[in-house]
Amino acid sequence: MTTPTPTATAPSAQTDRFVHDRLPPQALLPELRYPLPGMHIPAQANLVDTLFSKAFANGHGDRPMLRSDRITLSYAEALERVNRIAQVLTEDCKLVPGNRVLLRGGNSIGMALAWLGVVQAGLVAVATMPLLRAKELGEIIEKAQPTVAICDATLLDELAQAQVAHPVLGTVLKFNALGDPQDLGALCAAKSGQFTPCATAADDIAMMAFTSGTTGTPKAAVHTHRDVLAACEAWPRHVLQATPEDIVMGSPPLAFTFGLGGMLIFPMWAGASVYYPGVAYTPEVMVKLISQVGATICYTAPTFYRQMAVFAKQHGVPTLRTCVSAGEGLPDATRQLWKEATGIEMTDGIGATEMFHIFISAAPADVRRGAIGKVVPGYTAKVVDDLGQEVPRGTVGKLAVIGPTGCRYLADVRQANYVKDGWNYPGDAFLQDADGYFFFQARADDMIITSGYNVGGPEVEDALLKHPAVAECGVIGVPDEERGMIVKAIVVLKPGQVGDEAMVKLLQDHVKTTLAPFKYPRQIKFVSSLPRTETGKLQRFRLRQP
């Protein structure tokens, strides 16, 4: 067992104690461990200042950092703009360290700079998904109590409605409003670009990330400057291994911690650059842009890789070398389809908003079919029973994780469900083999128990996806008097396929030849699309709704 490493603390710079005062009680806090040398973070550390300082120390000041179809900013140019945003927030808006700032926008240079400017100033970034409606934004405003928002000009309407209902949000700054004298860029033009980063304690709050809502009411996960810096020394250093020459592309939103890490923080840590498109990604557009931009690293969800495969095979992706899949389980059928189309072995990973990023993964050279991978250096993981006792290898149980990051919900009774005896319980059912590889079975609440047998929905989904008629599918358990539960599949067929009784039998027989017979779906429903979150996660709880 790894021993916790004591880490120095410093006085907080955040005079607004709103978030600090609403953290879980000591008994419900996760135990944080810093077992690797790079995780010995100074007591006083500002995440954004540290990332820029690292880039300049390594001679990357003039290298590209942020790219789009209109402009490319070097690290030095980006820093000046970040400082100007911090000046607007502190000088014009009169914000003080610890105040929350709501951010609303898709993936763009403007959104990235705004996030960095907020954290550079010692404020707390509260990024929100661009597709959220006024009601959902209102719930976040009510919980986080931001007084200032920075919003993409194209997304103002829903935020304005939420602002009326929640007047605590007093000021809305807009960006991408070219020609408007109140555009954030215009306000920044009046600033010097000289700003001293807030001297935050490493344990001061950098961000609040609201869960993407696959299981109902969103929760606010709180992360410190230390959390994010420690995360950089785990998966990015030991598995991803990006270089300053890398150009990163991907679809995960910056409001999603998978996207924030992959599409901003981790490239900065490596001295690499990120490309944000001026158009919405479709599978074909992404494949074409990968070649046009010369992207070497791609992040997206398994469903998108599956849809991209045909275009990758058609157009080629010659510069691409690393493809990261996360956000939901990666079916082996999708992994093999992508590998056949591109020759690239995908880098799978499981992480959590509550843990900030990936904690189980495997580099391409270490992939074992069907497994997500091994625990990432810096973390410890085990599979346990309902009492928290580790189960024998090869036995299905609940995943428990401990490391340099952990779950701290803002004023939420569900903290006690996630953290037990210092360990984090992400809510996943896993199996670990004798070699330490972890095999995802299902979300713990998605495990189907039929006639005494445990069936993981993702396993059945993977089998169905191997059939050439199936485009997408979701598998759930539904009540049954005789068996307790039965397996039900909700299937999207490929164009030209007919969802009739003959197709039902064809797919059932296919699963029976692939998996143990008790795992086949006794019910199959054909639909035109599946409910997914903005980050691509399948919302199984909606499949279970009448």
Protein backbone atom coordinates (compact mmCIF):
# COMPACT_ATOMS: atom_id res chain seq x y z
CA MET A 1 0.00 0.00 0.00
CA THR A 2 1.31 3.45 -0.95
CA THR A 3 1.85 5.76 2.02
CA PRO A 4 0.40 9.25 1.78
CA THR A 5 3.07 11.88 1.15
CA PRO A 6 2.76 14.98 3.34
CA THR A 7 2.43 18.11 1.24
CA ALA A 8 3.17 21.63 2.42
CA THR A 9 0.33 24.11 2.75
CA ALA A 10 0.27 27.89 2.48
CA PRO A 11 -2.20 30.58 3.59
CA SER A 12 -5.13 30.92 1.20
CA ALA A 13 -5.20 33.91 -1.12
CA GLN A 14 -8.95 33.54 -1.70
CA THR A 15 -10.67 36.13 0.45
CA ASP A 16 -14.07 34.98 -0.79
CA ARG A 17 -14.52 31.72 1.18
CA PHE A 18 -17.79 30.64 -0.43
CA VAL A 19 -16.42 27.41 -1.94
CA HIS A 20 -13.98 26.63 0.87
CA ASP A 21 -16.81 26.88 3.41
CA ARG A 22 -19.01 24.43 1.47
CA LEU A 23 -16.50 21.61 1.05
CA PRO A 24 -17.36 18.24 2.62
CA PRO A 25 -16.58 17.64 6.31
CA GLN A 26 -13.20 16.12 7.10
CA ALA A 27 -14.64 12.63 7.62
CA LEU A 28 -16.01 12.57 4.06
CA LEU A 29 -12.97 14.01 2.27
CA PRO A 30 -10.92 11.72 0.01
CA GLU A 31 -7.44 10.76 1.13
CA LEU A 32 -4.94 12.38 -1.24
CA ARG A 33 -1.65 10.65 -2.04
CA TYR A 34 1.32 12.11 -3.90
CA PRO A 35 3.61 9.12 -4.55
CA LEU A 36 5.52 10.44 -7.59
CA PRO A 37 8.35 13.02 -7.56
CA GLY A 38 6.54 15.50 -9.85
CA MET A 39 3.59 15.61 -7.50
CA HIS A 40 5.58 17.47 -4.84
CA ILE A 41 3.93 20.77 -5.71
CA PRO A 42 4.98 24.00 -3.92
CA ALA A 43 2.67 25.18 -1.17
CA GLN A 44 1.99 28.34 -3.16
CA ALA A 45 1.09 27.58 -6.76
CA ASN A 46 -1.17 29.10 -9.40
CA LEU A 47 -2.07 26.50 -12.05
CA VAL A 48 -2.07 28.89 -15.01
CA ASP A 49 1.07 30.74 -13.96
CA THR A 50 2.82 27.37 -13.47
CA LEU A 51 1.85 26.13 -16.94
CA PHE A 52 3.01 29.30 -18.68
CA SER A 53 6.21 29.46 -16.60
CA LYS A 54 7.00 25.86 -17.56
CA ALA A 55 6.50 26.66 -21.25
CA PHE A 56 8.78 29.70 -21.12
CA ALA A 57 11.42 27.87 -19.08
CA ASN A 58 11.53 25.21 -21.80
CA GLY A 59 11.91 27.81 -24.54
CA HIS A 60 8.39 27.49 -25.93
CA GLY A 61 7.37 31.16 -25.71
CA ASP A 62 7.33 31.61 -29.48
CA ARG A 63 5.86 28.19 -30.26
CA PRO A 64 2.19 27.87 -31.29
CA MET A 65 -0.22 27.28 -28.40
CA LEU A 66 -3.74 27.96 -29.69
CA ARG A 67 -4.78 27.48 -33.31
CA SER A 68 -7.94 28.08 -35.32
CA ASP A 69 -8.80 28.56 -38.97
CA ARG A 70 -8.40 32.35 -38.43
CA ILE A 71 -5.48 32.81 -36.08
CA THR A 72 -2.58 31.12 -34.31
CA LEU A 73 -1.34 32.41 -30.95
CA SER A 74 2.05 31.63 -29.50
CA TYR A 75 2.50 30.98 -25.78
CA ALA A 76 3.73 34.56 -25.34
CA GLU A 77 0.78 36.04 -27.26
CA ALA A 78 -1.71 33.87 -25.38
CA LEU A 79 -0.24 34.90 -22.02
CA GLU A 80 -0.65 38.59 -22.84
CA ARG A 81 -4.33 38.03 -23.70
CA VAL A 82 -4.88 35.96 -20.57
CA ASN A 83 -3.41 38.78 -18.49
CA ARG A 84 -5.66 41.34 -20.15
CA ILE A 85 -8.73 39.22 -19.30
CA ALA A 86 -7.53 38.94 -15.70
CA GLN A 87 -7.19 42.74 -15.63
CA VAL A 88 -10.76 43.25 -16.87
CA LEU A 89 -12.10 40.87 -14.23
CA THR A 90 -10.19 42.39 -11.32
CA GLU A 91 -10.01 46.07 -12.34
CA ASP A 92 -13.31 46.63 -14.16
CA CYS A 93 -15.51 43.96 -12.55
CA LYS A 94 -13.85 44.39 -9.13
CA LEU A 95 -13.70 40.64 -8.52
CA VAL A 96 -11.58 39.29 -5.67
CA PRO A 97 -9.89 35.87 -5.34
CA GLY A 98 -12.42 33.13 -4.66
CA ASN A 99 -15.27 34.80 -6.59
CA ARG A 100 -16.87 32.46 -9.13
CA VAL A 101 -17.05 33.24 -12.86
CA LEU A 102 -19.44 31.32 -15.09
CA LEU A 103 -18.07 30.47 -18.54
CA ARG A 104 -20.32 29.61 -21.46
CA GLY A 105 -19.03 28.69 -24.89
CA GLY A 106 -18.00 25.93 -27.25
CA ASN A 107 -14.39 24.99 -27.88
CA SER A 108 -12.67 28.11 -29.19
CA ILE A 109 -9.61 30.23 -28.55
CA GLY A 110 -11.86 32.78 -26.83
CA MET A 111 -13.24 30.18 -24.42
CA ALA A 112 -9.76 28.80 -23.65
CA LEU A 113 -8.32 32.27 -22.96
CA ALA A 114 -11.28 33.17 -20.75
CA TRP A 115 -10.84 30.02 -18.63
CA LEU A 116 -7.12 30.71 -18.21
CA GLY A 117 -7.75 34.37 -17.37
CA VAL A 118 -10.22 33.48 -14.64
CA VAL A 119 -7.85 31.04 -12.93
CA GLN A 120 -4.80 33.30 -13.39
CA ALA A 121 -6.67 35.94 -11.35
CA GLY A 122 -7.32 33.52 -8.46
CA LEU A 123 -11.01 33.28 -9.33
CA VAL A 124 -12.98 30.03 -9.62
CA ALA A 125 -13.84 28.89 -13.15
CA VAL A 126 -17.34 27.43 -13.56
CA ALA A 127 -17.48 26.24 -17.17
CA THR A 128 -20.85 25.15 -18.57
CA MET A 129 -21.84 23.05 -21.58
CA PRO A 130 -22.92 25.20 -24.54
CA LEU A 131 -26.18 23.29 -25.09
CA LEU A 132 -27.56 23.94 -21.59
CA ARG A 133 -30.90 25.71 -21.41
CA ALA A 134 -31.92 28.58 -19.10
CA LYS A 135 -33.37 26.24 -16.47
CA GLU A 136 -30.15 24.18 -16.29
CA LEU A 137 -27.98 27.29 -16.26
CA GLY A 138 -30.16 28.66 -13.48
CA GLU A 139 -29.52 25.58 -11.35
CA ILE A 140 -25.76 26.07 -11.77
CA ILE A 141 -25.99 29.79 -10.98
CA GLU A 142 -28.03 29.02 -7.88
CA LYS A 143 -25.45 26.54 -6.65
CA ALA A 144 -22.21 28.34 -7.63
CA GLN A 145 -23.39 31.94 -7.04
CA PRO A 146 -21.26 33.59 -9.76
CA THR A 147 -21.60 37.36 -10.07
CA VAL A 148 -19.91 37.57 -13.48
CA ALA A 149 -20.23 35.42 -16.60
CA ILE A 150 -18.15 35.30 -19.77
CA CYS A 151 -20.30 34.07 -22.65
CA ASP A 152 -19.90 33.46 -26.36
CA ALA A 153 -22.03 36.08 -28.13
CA THR A 154 -23.92 33.37 -30.03
CA LEU A 155 -25.08 31.75 -26.77
CA LEU A 156 -26.40 34.78 -24.88
CA ASP A 157 -30.15 34.14 -25.11
CA GLU A 158 -30.47 31.24 -22.67
CA LEU A 159 -28.03 32.86 -20.24
CA ALA A 160 -30.01 36.13 -20.34
CA GLN A 161 -33.16 34.21 -19.36
CA ALA A 162 -31.31 32.51 -16.51
CA GLN A 163 -29.92 35.86 -15.38
CA VAL A 164 -33.42 37.32 -15.02
CA ALA A 165 -34.42 34.46 -12.73
CA HIS A 166 -31.11 34.55 -10.81
CA PRO A 167 -30.05 38.21 -10.41
CA VAL A 168 -26.97 37.25 -8.37
CA LEU A 169 -25.38 37.05 -11.83
CA GLY A 170 -24.96 40.77 -12.33
CA THR A 171 -22.50 41.16 -15.22
CA VAL A 172 -22.25 39.22 -18.48
CA LEU A 173 -19.14 39.79 -20.61
CA LYS A 174 -19.37 38.52 -24.16
CA PHE A 175 -16.70 37.32 -26.54
CA ASN A 176 -16.70 36.61 -30.28
CA ALA A 177 -18.88 39.71 -30.73
CA LEU A 178 -16.62 41.30 -33.33
CA GLY A 179 -17.21 45.04 -33.81
CA ASP A 180 -19.15 45.39 -30.56
CA PRO A 181 -17.49 47.95 -28.23
CA GLN A 182 -18.60 45.81 -25.26
CA ASP A 183 -16.91 42.69 -26.63
CA LEU A 184 -14.40 41.24 -24.15
CA GLY A 185 -11.67 41.68 -26.75
CA ALA A 186 -12.46 45.40 -27.01
CA LEU A 187 -12.39 45.78 -23.23
CA CYS A 188 -9.07 43.92 -23.12
CA ALA A 189 -7.58 46.23 -25.75
CA ALA A 190 -7.60 49.03 -23.20
CA LYS A 191 -5.47 46.98 -20.79
CA SER A 192 -1.69 46.77 -20.58
CA GLY A 193 -1.32 42.98 -20.57
CA GLN A 194 0.85 43.32 -17.46
CA PHE A 195 -0.67 41.33 -14.61
CA THR A 196 0.83 39.63 -11.58
CA PRO A 197 -0.77 36.18 -11.24
CA CYS A 198 -2.70 35.73 -8.02
CA ALA A 199 -0.43 34.13 -5.42
CA THR A 200 -2.87 31.32 -4.71
CA ALA A 201 -2.13 28.54 -2.28
CA ALA A 202 -1.90 25.23 -4.11
CA ASP A 203 -4.97 24.18 -2.12
CA ASP A 204 -7.02 27.17 -3.24
CA ILE A 205 -9.92 26.42 -5.57
CA ALA A 206 -9.25 26.65 -9.31
CA MET A 207 -12.50 25.29 -10.74
CA MET A 208 -15.88 23.71 -10.23
CA ALA A 209 -16.97 21.11 -12.78
CA PHE A 210 -20.62 20.20 -12.99
CA THR A 211 -21.23 16.57 -13.85
CA SER A 212 -22.64 15.94 -17.31
CA GLY A 213 -25.82 14.46 -15.91
CA THR A 214 -25.97 10.86 -17.20
CA THR A 215 -27.67 9.85 -13.95
CA GLY A 216 -29.88 12.82 -13.13
CA THR A 217 -29.27 15.98 -11.08
CA PRO A 218 -25.81 17.49 -11.76
CA LYS A 219 -23.29 17.79 -8.94
CA ALA A 220 -20.48 20.33 -8.62
CA ALA A 221 -17.04 18.71 -8.28
CA VAL A 222 -14.42 21.07 -6.83
CA HIS A 223 -10.74 20.95 -7.85
CA THR A 224 -7.77 22.90 -6.52
CA HIS A 225 -4.70 24.23 -8.32
CA ARG A 226 -2.78 21.32 -6.78
CA ASP A 227 -5.30 18.75 -8.09
CA VAL A 228 -4.84 19.75 -11.72
CA LEU A 229 -1.06 20.10 -11.50
CA ALA A 230 -0.79 16.67 -9.85
CA ALA A 231 -3.02 15.19 -12.57
CA CYS A 232 -0.54 16.49 -15.18
CA GLU A 233 2.13 14.31 -13.57
CA ALA A 234 0.02 11.15 -13.83
CA TRP A 235 -1.72 10.09 -17.07
CA PRO A 236 -0.19 12.76 -19.39
CA ARG A 237 3.37 12.00 -18.29
CA HIS A 238 3.19 8.22 -18.08
CA VAL A 239 0.65 7.22 -20.75
CA LEU A 240 -0.07 10.03 -23.22
CA GLN A 241 3.53 11.31 -23.44
CA ALA A 242 2.77 14.31 -25.68
CA THR A 243 5.63 16.40 -27.06
CA PRO A 244 5.98 20.09 -28.02
CA GLU A 245 5.62 19.06 -31.67
CA ASP A 246 2.13 17.65 -31.13
CA ILE A 247 -0.99 19.31 -32.51
CA VAL A 248 -4.12 18.27 -30.60
CA MET A 249 -7.67 18.09 -31.93
CA GLY A 250 -10.87 16.69 -30.51
CA SER A 251 -14.55 17.02 -29.73
CA PRO A 252 -14.84 16.94 -25.89
CA PRO A 253 -16.03 20.34 -24.60
CA LEU A 254 -13.76 22.43 -22.39
CA ALA A 255 -16.62 22.41 -19.87
CA PHE A 256 -16.09 18.65 -19.49
CA THR A 257 -12.95 17.72 -17.51
CA PHE A 258 -11.99 15.17 -20.18
CA GLY A 259 -11.98 18.05 -22.67
CA LEU A 260 -10.40 20.60 -20.34
CA GLY A 261 -7.47 18.30 -19.67
CA GLY A 262 -7.07 16.93 -23.17
CA MET A 263 -7.87 20.08 -25.11
CA LEU A 264 -6.10 22.72 -23.00
CA ILE A 265 -4.27 21.83 -19.78
CA PHE A 266 -2.30 18.78 -20.90
CA PRO A 267 -1.13 20.30 -24.21
CA MET A 268 0.09 23.36 -22.27
CA TRP A 269 1.91 21.10 -19.81
CA ALA A 270 3.71 19.45 -22.77
CA GLY A 271 4.37 22.70 -24.67
CA ALA A 272 2.15 21.43 -27.51
CA SER A 273 -0.62 23.26 -29.39
CA VAL A 274 -4.39 22.81 -29.75
CA TYR A 275 -6.59 23.39 -32.79
CA TYR A 276 -10.16 24.61 -32.31
CA PRO A 277 -12.33 24.41 -35.45
CA GLY A 278 -14.48 27.23 -36.76
CA VAL A 279 -17.18 24.71 -37.71
CA ALA A 280 -19.09 21.99 -35.92
CA TYR A 281 -17.44 18.61 -36.05
CA THR A 282 -19.03 15.81 -38.01
CA PRO A 283 -17.15 12.52 -38.41
CA GLU A 284 -16.16 13.40 -41.99
CA VAL A 285 -15.19 16.99 -41.13
CA MET A 286 -12.98 15.83 -38.27
CA VAL A 287 -11.16 13.30 -40.44
CA LYS A 288 -10.51 15.89 -43.17
CA LEU A 289 -9.36 18.53 -40.66
CA ILE A 290 -6.95 16.09 -39.03
CA SER A 291 -5.04 15.95 -42.31
CA GLN A 292 -5.41 19.65 -43.14
CA VAL A 293 -4.18 20.75 -39.73
CA GLY A 294 -1.60 18.01 -39.36
CA ALA A 295 -3.08 16.86 -36.05
CA THR A 296 -1.10 14.18 -34.23
CA ILE A 297 -3.37 13.57 -31.19
CA CYS A 298 -7.15 13.20 -31.29
CA TYR A 299 -9.65 13.02 -28.42
CA THR A 300 -13.23 11.90 -28.87
CA ALA A 301 -15.81 9.38 -27.68
CA PRO A 302 -16.07 5.78 -28.97
CA THR A 303 -19.26 6.50 -30.90
CA PHE A 304 -17.51 9.24 -32.90
CA TYR A 305 -14.49 7.02 -33.68
CA ARG A 306 -16.88 4.38 -34.96
CA GLN A 307 -18.54 6.91 -37.26
CA MET A 308 -15.17 8.35 -38.34
CA ALA A 309 -13.69 4.97 -39.33
CA VAL A 310 -15.22 4.83 -42.79
CA PHE A 311 -13.94 8.33 -43.63
CA ALA A 312 -10.51 7.64 -42.15
CA LYS A 313 -10.22 4.61 -44.38
CA GLN A 314 -11.34 6.66 -47.38
CA HIS A 315 -9.27 9.82 -46.85
CA GLY A 316 -6.44 8.64 -44.60
CA VAL A 317 -5.06 10.32 -41.45
CA PRO A 318 -1.29 10.27 -42.15
CA THR A 319 -0.16 12.63 -39.36
CA LEU A 320 -2.23 11.05 -36.59
CA ARG A 321 -0.35 8.90 -34.07
CA THR A 322 -2.39 8.93 -30.83
CA CYS A 323 -6.15 8.49 -30.53
CA VAL A 324 -7.59 8.83 -27.03
CA SER A 325 -11.00 7.40 -26.24
CA ALA A 326 -12.84 8.21 -23.02
CA GLY A 327 -16.15 9.52 -21.77
CA GLU A 328 -17.82 6.11 -22.02
CA GLY A 329 -16.81 2.48 -22.39
CA LEU A 330 -14.85 1.58 -25.54
CA PRO A 331 -16.32 -1.54 -27.18
CA ASP A 332 -13.64 -3.82 -28.57
CA ALA A 333 -15.57 -3.86 -31.85
CA THR A 334 -14.99 -0.10 -32.16
CA ARG A 335 -11.30 -0.45 -31.24
CA GLN A 336 -10.78 -3.07 -33.95
CA LEU A 337 -12.80 -1.12 -36.55
CA TRP A 338 -10.65 1.98 -35.96
CA LYS A 339 -7.42 -0.04 -36.02
CA GLU A 340 -8.41 -1.66 -39.30
CA ALA A 341 -9.19 1.74 -40.82
CA THR A 342 -6.09 3.60 -39.59
CA GLY A 343 -3.55 1.12 -38.24
CA ILE A 344 -3.68 2.99 -34.89
CA GLU A 345 -4.23 1.19 -31.60
CA MET A 346 -6.49 3.40 -29.51
CA THR A 347 -5.53 4.71 -26.06
CA ASP A 348 -8.49 3.91 -23.85
CA GLY A 349 -9.04 5.35 -20.41
CA ILE A 350 -11.53 5.75 -17.64
CA GLY A 351 -11.69 8.89 -15.55
CA ALA A 352 -14.30 10.90 -13.71
CA THR A 353 -15.28 14.52 -13.31
CA GLU A 354 -14.83 13.95 -9.58
CA MET A 355 -11.22 12.75 -10.09
CA PHE A 356 -10.53 15.38 -12.80
CA HIS A 357 -9.19 12.98 -15.43
CA ILE A 358 -8.05 9.47 -16.39
CA PHE A 359 -6.83 7.05 -13.69
CA ILE A 360 -6.95 3.68 -15.53
CA SER A 361 -5.53 3.42 -19.04
CA ALA A 362 -3.08 1.65 -21.34
CA ALA A 363 -0.63 2.99 -23.90
CA PRO A 364 -0.98 1.31 -27.34
CA ALA A 365 1.96 -1.03 -26.69
CA ASP A 366 0.33 -2.30 -23.49
CA VAL A 367 -3.21 -2.88 -24.75
CA ARG A 368 -4.98 -6.08 -23.78
CA ARG A 369 -8.14 -6.79 -25.76
CA GLY A 370 -11.30 -6.08 -23.82
CA ALA A 371 -9.47 -4.31 -21.00
CA ILE A 372 -9.31 -0.56 -20.38
CA GLY A 373 -5.79 -0.95 -19.02
CA LYS A 374 -3.91 -0.80 -15.74
CA VAL A 375 -3.99 1.80 -13.01
CA VAL A 376 -2.14 4.98 -14.02
CA PRO A 377 1.08 5.68 -12.06
CA GLY A 378 0.20 7.96 -9.16
CA TYR A 379 -3.07 6.15 -8.45
CA THR A 380 -4.07 2.92 -6.71
CA ALA A 381 -7.21 1.02 -7.68
CA LYS A 382 -8.89 -2.15 -6.47
CA VAL A 383 -12.10 -4.09 -7.01
CA VAL A 384 -14.09 -4.49 -3.78
CA ASP A 385 -17.30 -5.97 -2.40
CA ASP A 386 -20.12 -4.06 -0.71
CA LEU A 387 -18.09 -3.89 2.53
CA GLY A 388 -15.06 -2.36 0.80
CA GLN A 389 -13.02 -5.58 0.99
CA GLU A 390 -10.91 -6.41 -2.07
CA VAL A 391 -12.32 -9.39 -3.99
CA PRO A 392 -10.22 -12.16 -5.61
CA ARG A 393 -8.82 -11.41 -9.07
CA GLY A 394 -11.29 -12.40 -11.77
CA THR A 395 -14.30 -11.47 -9.60
CA VAL A 396 -16.71 -8.68 -10.49
CA GLY A 397 -17.04 -5.94 -7.88
CA LYS A 398 -17.04 -2.18 -7.38
CA LEU A 399 -14.08 -0.03 -8.40
CA ALA A 400 -12.35 1.96 -5.64
CA VAL A 401 -9.61 4.49 -6.45
CA ILE A 402 -7.21 6.63 -4.43
CA GLY A 403 -4.49 9.03 -5.57
CA PRO A 404 -3.51 12.70 -5.91
CA THR A 405 -7.04 13.78 -6.89
CA GLY A 406 -10.38 12.96 -5.33
CA CYS A 407 -14.04 13.82 -5.05
CA ARG A 408 -15.09 16.97 -3.21
CA TYR A 409 -18.67 17.95 -4.02
CA LEU A 410 -19.88 21.43 -3.24
CA ALA A 411 -22.49 21.17 -0.44
CA ASP A 412 -23.93 17.84 -1.62
CA VAL A 413 -25.20 14.95 0.53
CA ARG A 414 -24.12 12.54 -2.24
CA GLN A 415 -20.49 13.02 -1.11
CA ALA A 416 -21.01 10.10 1.29
CA ASN A 417 -21.88 7.82 -1.64
CA TYR A 418 -18.70 8.67 -3.53
CA VAL A 419 -16.04 8.75 -0.79
CA LYS A 420 -15.79 5.97 1.80
CA ASP A 421 -12.82 5.57 4.17
CA GLY A 422 -10.83 7.96 1.99
CA TRP A 423 -11.36 5.93 -1.20
CA ASN A 424 -13.28 7.18 -4.24
CA TYR A 425 -16.08 5.02 -5.64
CA PRO A 426 -16.82 6.17 -9.21
CA GLY A 427 -19.84 3.85 -9.44
CA ASP A 428 -18.41 1.31 -11.89
CA ALA A 429 -18.46 -2.47 -11.80
CA PHE A 430 -15.08 -3.91 -12.80
CA LEU A 431 -13.09 -7.12 -12.96
CA GLN A 432 -9.30 -7.18 -12.50
CA ASP A 433 -7.26 -10.03 -13.96
CA ALA A 434 -4.15 -11.68 -12.53
CA ASP A 435 -1.88 -9.29 -14.46
CA GLY A 436 -3.56 -6.15 -13.08
CA TYR A 437 -5.64 -5.27 -16.14
CA PHE A 438 -9.06 -3.78 -15.39
CA PHE A 439 -12.11 -4.87 -17.42
CA PHE A 440 -15.13 -2.59 -17.32
CA GLN A 441 -18.40 -4.46 -16.75
CA ALA A 442 -21.00 -1.72 -16.30
CA ARG A 443 -21.95 1.25 -14.23
CA ALA A 444 -22.66 -0.33 -10.85
CA ASP A 445 -26.32 0.65 -11.16
CA ASP A 446 -26.44 -0.73 -14.72
CA MET A 447 -25.43 -4.31 -13.83
CA ILE A 448 -28.19 -6.66 -14.99
CA ILE A 449 -28.88 -9.65 -12.74
CA THR A 450 -30.94 -12.18 -14.68
CA SER A 451 -31.76 -15.61 -13.22
CA GLY A 452 -28.85 -15.18 -10.82
CA TYR A 453 -26.32 -14.32 -13.55
CA ASN A 454 -24.53 -10.95 -13.72
CA VAL A 455 -24.60 -9.37 -17.17
CA GLY A 456 -22.81 -6.14 -18.01
CA GLY A 457 -24.70 -4.05 -20.55
CA PRO A 458 -21.50 -2.86 -22.34
CA GLU A 459 -20.48 -6.47 -23.01
CA VAL A 460 -23.75 -7.14 -24.85
CA GLU A 461 -23.46 -3.80 -26.66
CA ASP A 462 -19.99 -4.77 -27.87
CA ALA A 463 -21.34 -8.05 -29.26
CA LEU A 464 -24.22 -6.31 -31.06
CA LEU A 465 -21.88 -3.70 -32.55
CA LYS A 466 -19.92 -6.49 -34.21
CA HIS A 467 -22.96 -7.24 -36.38
CA PRO A 468 -22.78 -5.35 -39.72
CA ALA A 469 -26.41 -4.21 -39.48
CA VAL A 470 -25.97 -2.32 -36.20
CA ALA A 471 -24.92 1.35 -36.09
CA GLU A 472 -25.42 2.04 -32.36
CA CYS A 473 -27.02 0.33 -29.41
CA GLY A 474 -27.71 0.58 -25.69
CA VAL A 475 -28.44 -2.33 -23.37
CA ILE A 476 -30.40 -2.19 -20.11
CA GLY A 477 -32.14 -4.54 -17.72
CA VAL A 478 -35.92 -4.51 -17.40
CA PRO A 479 -38.02 -6.19 -14.70
CA ASP A 480 -39.26 -9.70 -15.37
CA GLU A 481 -41.40 -11.87 -13.07
CA GLU A 482 -39.70 -15.14 -13.98
CA ARG A 483 -36.04 -14.04 -14.18
CA GLY A 484 -35.98 -10.93 -11.99
CA MET A 485 -34.57 -8.96 -14.92
CA ILE A 486 -34.04 -9.62 -18.59
CA VAL A 487 -31.62 -8.08 -21.05
CA LYS A 488 -33.13 -5.51 -23.41
CA ALA A 489 -31.32 -3.91 -26.34
CA ILE A 490 -32.25 -0.58 -27.93
CA VAL A 491 -30.74 -0.62 -31.40
CA VAL A 492 -30.11 1.93 -34.17
CA LEU A 493 -29.72 0.10 -37.47
CA LYS A 494 -27.56 1.20 -40.37
CA PRO A 495 -29.33 2.78 -43.38
CA GLY A 496 -31.14 0.23 -45.50
CA GLN A 497 -31.64 -2.28 -42.68
CA VAL A 498 -35.16 -3.21 -41.57
CA GLY A 499 -36.09 -3.54 -37.90
CA ASP A 500 -38.49 -6.46 -38.15
CA GLU A 501 -38.89 -9.81 -36.38
CA ALA A 502 -36.37 -11.40 -38.71
CA MET A 503 -33.77 -8.79 -37.66
CA VAL A 504 -34.59 -9.41 -33.98
CA LYS A 505 -33.88 -13.12 -34.37
CA LEU A 506 -30.77 -12.44 -36.44
CA LEU A 507 -29.28 -10.20 -33.76
CA GLN A 508 -30.28 -12.53 -30.90
CA ASP A 509 -28.62 -15.48 -32.63
CA HIS A 510 -25.54 -13.36 -33.30
CA VAL A 511 -25.15 -12.54 -29.58
CA LYS A 512 -25.70 -16.18 -28.61
CA THR A 513 -22.78 -17.22 -30.81
CA THR A 514 -20.56 -14.47 -29.36
CA LEU A 515 -21.39 -14.59 -25.62
CA ALA A 516 -22.78 -17.03 -23.09
CA PRO A 517 -26.40 -17.74 -24.11
CA PHE A 518 -27.91 -16.24 -20.93
CA LYS A 519 -26.55 -12.84 -22.00
CA TYR A 520 -28.54 -12.48 -25.22
CA PRO A 521 -31.18 -9.70 -25.36
CA ARG A 522 -34.61 -11.23 -24.92
CA GLN A 523 -36.13 -7.94 -26.03
CA ILE A 524 -34.90 -5.73 -28.88
CA LYS A 525 -36.36 -2.34 -29.72
CA PHE A 526 -35.37 -0.44 -32.86
CA VAL A 527 -35.07 3.36 -32.68
CA SER A 528 -33.73 6.13 -34.91
CA SER A 529 -31.30 7.55 -32.33
CA LEU A 530 -30.04 7.09 -28.76
CA PRO A 531 -30.13 9.69 -25.98
CA ARG A 532 -26.63 11.00 -25.33
CA THR A 533 -25.11 13.82 -23.33
CA GLU A 534 -23.29 16.65 -25.04
CA THR A 535 -20.04 14.78 -24.37
CA GLY A 536 -21.26 11.66 -26.16
CA LYS A 537 -22.12 9.51 -23.15
CA LEU A 538 -25.07 7.18 -23.52
CA GLN A 539 -27.82 8.12 -21.03
CA ARG A 540 -28.99 4.67 -19.98
CA PHE A 541 -31.26 6.14 -17.31
CA ARG A 542 -33.31 7.66 -20.14
CA LEU A 543 -33.49 4.29 -21.91
CA ARG A 544 -35.10 2.92 -18.74
CA GLN A 545 -37.76 5.63 -18.66
CA PRO A 546 -41.17 4.61 -20.05
